[in-house]
Amino acid sequence: MSTDRSINGRTISNSAYFKLGFYTLLMMTCPLIAFFYVRNYFRNNDLDLLASNIRGAIAAVIIAHGVIFMFVYSAWQEDKEVTAKKKD
């Protein structure tokens, strides 16, 4: 089985698909976990439901942005490695 695929003249390795799957799983689970954890934390500390939900939503948005940043950063680093190999 080939480890690389060519789409429109551009070679894409299987590791790219695994990376995409990994970050997709992170994007589905981490914000949900953060939302419910933060909401329950503030709910147990005698905040009303609306305030707890707002804080949980803010935490989920911050985590989602963090996952997107990590994905973009890892893709950028991978692109720098490919560019360096082409120059050699």
C-alpha atoms as a PDB file:
ATOM      1  CA  MET A   1       0.000   0.000   0.000  1.00  0.00           C
ATOM      2  CA  SER A   2       1.313   3.406  -0.939  1.00  0.00           C
ATOM      3  CA  THR A   3       1.891   5.949   1.792  1.00  0.00           C
ATOM      4  CA  ASP A   4       1.437   8.897  -0.551  1.00  0.00           C
ATOM      5  CA  ARG A   5      -1.431   9.959  -2.772  1.00  0.00           C
ATOM      6  CA  SER A   6      -1.431  12.476  -5.553  1.00  0.00           C
ATOM      7  CA  ILE A   7      -4.330  14.885  -5.907  1.00  0.00           C
ATOM      8  CA  ASN A   8      -4.128  17.547  -8.635  1.00  0.00           C
ATOM      9  CA  GLY A   9      -0.394  17.004  -8.928  1.00  0.00           C
ATOM     10  CA  ARG A  10       0.202  17.500  -5.209  1.00  0.00           C
ATOM     11  CA  THR A  11       1.445  14.611  -3.081  1.00  0.00           C
ATOM     12  CA  ILE A  12      -0.447  14.030   0.166  1.00  0.00           C
ATOM     13  CA  SER A  13       0.822  11.509   2.712  1.00  0.00           C
ATOM     14  CA  ASN A  14      -1.375   9.279   4.841  1.00  0.00           C
ATOM     15  CA  SER A  15      -0.054  11.023   7.944  1.00  0.00           C
ATOM     16  CA  ALA A  16      -1.952  14.124   6.825  1.00  0.00           C
ATOM     17  CA  TYR A  17      -5.213  12.173   6.965  1.00  0.00           C
ATOM     18  CA  PHE A  18      -4.379  10.831  10.418  1.00  0.00           C
ATOM     19  CA  LYS A  19      -3.512  14.342  11.613  1.00  0.00           C
ATOM     20  CA  LEU A  20      -6.792  15.663  10.244  1.00  0.00           C
ATOM     21  CA  GLY A  21      -8.699  12.858  12.008  1.00  0.00           C
ATOM     22  CA  PHE A  22      -6.876  13.515  15.277  1.00  0.00           C
ATOM     23  CA  TYR A  23      -7.669  17.228  15.261  1.00  0.00           C
ATOM     24  CA  THR A  24     -11.261  16.482  14.250  1.00  0.00           C
ATOM     25  CA  LEU A  25     -11.637  14.285  17.334  1.00  0.00           C
ATOM     26  CA  LEU A  26     -10.065  16.993  19.479  1.00  0.00           C
ATOM     27  CA  MET A  27     -12.443  19.566  18.012  1.00  0.00           C
ATOM     28  CA  MET A  28     -15.457  17.386  18.791  1.00  0.00           C
ATOM     29  CA  THR A  29     -14.522  16.406  22.339  1.00  0.00           C
ATOM     30  CA  CYS A  30     -12.405  19.094  24.001  1.00  0.00           C
ATOM     31  CA  PRO A  31     -14.870  22.010  23.762  1.00  0.00           C
ATOM     32  CA  LEU A  32     -17.722  19.818  25.016  1.00  0.00           C
ATOM     33  CA  ILE A  33     -15.683  18.547  27.935  1.00  0.00           C
ATOM     34  CA  ALA A  34     -14.563  22.090  28.777  1.00  0.00           C
ATOM     35  CA  PHE A  35     -18.121  23.418  28.607  1.00  0.00           C
ATOM     36  CA  PHE A  36     -19.591  20.813  30.948  1.00  0.00           C
ATOM     37  CA  TYR A  37     -16.634  20.872  33.333  1.00  0.00           C
ATOM     38  CA  VAL A  38     -16.645  24.660  33.701  1.00  0.00           C
ATOM     39  CA  ARG A  39     -20.443  24.807  33.888  1.00  0.00           C
ATOM     40  CA  ASN A  40     -20.543  22.187  36.641  1.00  0.00           C
ATOM     41  CA  TYR A  41     -17.690  23.861  38.496  1.00  0.00           C
ATOM     42  CA  PHE A  42     -19.452  27.223  38.618  1.00  0.00           C
ATOM     43  CA  ARG A  43     -22.856  25.629  39.186  1.00  0.00           C
ATOM     44  CA  ASN A  44     -21.509  23.860  42.268  1.00  0.00           C
ATOM     45  CA  ASN A  45     -20.157  27.181  43.537  1.00  0.00           C
ATOM     46  CA  ASP A  46     -23.674  28.650  43.797  1.00  0.00           C
ATOM     47  CA  LEU A  47     -23.842  30.571  40.527  1.00  0.00           C
ATOM     48  CA  ASP A  48     -27.134  30.617  38.693  1.00  0.00           C
ATOM     49  CA  LEU A  49     -27.592  28.485  35.595  1.00  0.00           C
ATOM     50  CA  LEU A  50     -27.289  31.329  33.071  1.00  0.00           C
ATOM     51  CA  ALA A  51     -23.984  32.599  34.466  1.00  0.00           C
ATOM     52  CA  SER A  52     -22.620  29.063  34.621  1.00  0.00           C
ATOM     53  CA  ASN A  53     -23.642  28.389  31.021  1.00  0.00           C
ATOM     54  CA  ILE A  54     -22.055  31.621  29.805  1.00  0.00           C
ATOM     55  CA  ARG A  55     -18.765  30.822  31.519  1.00  0.00           C
ATOM     56  CA  GLY A  56     -18.879  27.293  30.116  1.00  0.00           C
ATOM     57  CA  ALA A  57     -19.511  28.624  26.616  1.00  0.00           C
ATOM     58  CA  ILE A  58     -16.594  31.032  26.908  1.00  0.00           C
ATOM     59  CA  ALA A  59     -14.326  28.176  27.977  1.00  0.00           C
ATOM     60  CA  ALA A  60     -15.530  26.037  25.054  1.00  0.00           C
ATOM     61  CA  VAL A  61     -14.836  28.831  22.559  1.00  0.00           C
ATOM     62  CA  ILE A  62     -11.345  29.375  23.952  1.00  0.00           C
ATOM     63  CA  ILE A  63     -10.595  25.641  23.745  1.00  0.00           C
ATOM     64  CA  ALA A  64     -11.955  25.443  20.180  1.00  0.00           C
ATOM     65  CA  HIS A  65      -9.710  28.333  19.136  1.00  0.00           C
ATOM     66  CA  GLY A  66      -6.770  26.579  20.801  1.00  0.00           C
ATOM     67  CA  VAL A  67      -7.397  23.393  18.824  1.00  0.00           C
ATOM     68  CA  ILE A  68      -7.645  25.360  15.575  1.00  0.00           C
ATOM     69  CA  PHE A  69      -4.404  27.167  16.412  1.00  0.00           C
ATOM     70  CA  MET A  70      -2.642  23.853  17.123  1.00  0.00           C
ATOM     71  CA  PHE A  71      -3.831  22.431  13.797  1.00  0.00           C
ATOM     72  CA  VAL A  72      -2.699  25.454  11.813  1.00  0.00           C
ATOM     73  CA  TYR A  73       0.635  25.572  13.647  1.00  0.00           C
ATOM     74  CA  SER A  74       1.346  21.881  13.019  1.00  0.00           C
ATOM     75  CA  ALA A  75       0.448  22.268   9.335  1.00  0.00           C
ATOM     76  CA  TRP A  76       2.688  25.316   9.097  1.00  0.00           C
ATOM     77  CA  GLN A  77       5.602  23.454  10.708  1.00  0.00           C
ATOM     78  CA  GLU A  78       5.083  20.527   8.345  1.00  0.00           C
ATOM     79  CA  ASP A  79       5.093  22.897   5.374  1.00  0.00           C
ATOM     80  CA  LYS A  80       8.358  24.471   6.572  1.00  0.00           C
ATOM     81  CA  GLU A  81       9.953  20.997   6.740  1.00  0.00           C
ATOM     82  CA  VAL A  82       8.814  20.177   3.206  1.00  0.00           C
ATOM     83  CA  THR A  83      10.107  23.511   1.911  1.00  0.00           C
ATOM     84  CA  ALA A  84      13.487  22.959   3.615  1.00  0.00           C
ATOM     85  CA  LYS A  85      13.785  19.483   2.058  1.00  0.00           C
ATOM     86  CA  LYS A  86      13.036  20.896  -1.393  1.00  0.00           C
ATOM     87  CA  LYS A  87      15.801  23.488  -1.042  1.00  0.00           C
ATOM     88  CA  ASP A  88      18.368  20.784  -0.240  1.00  0.00           C
END
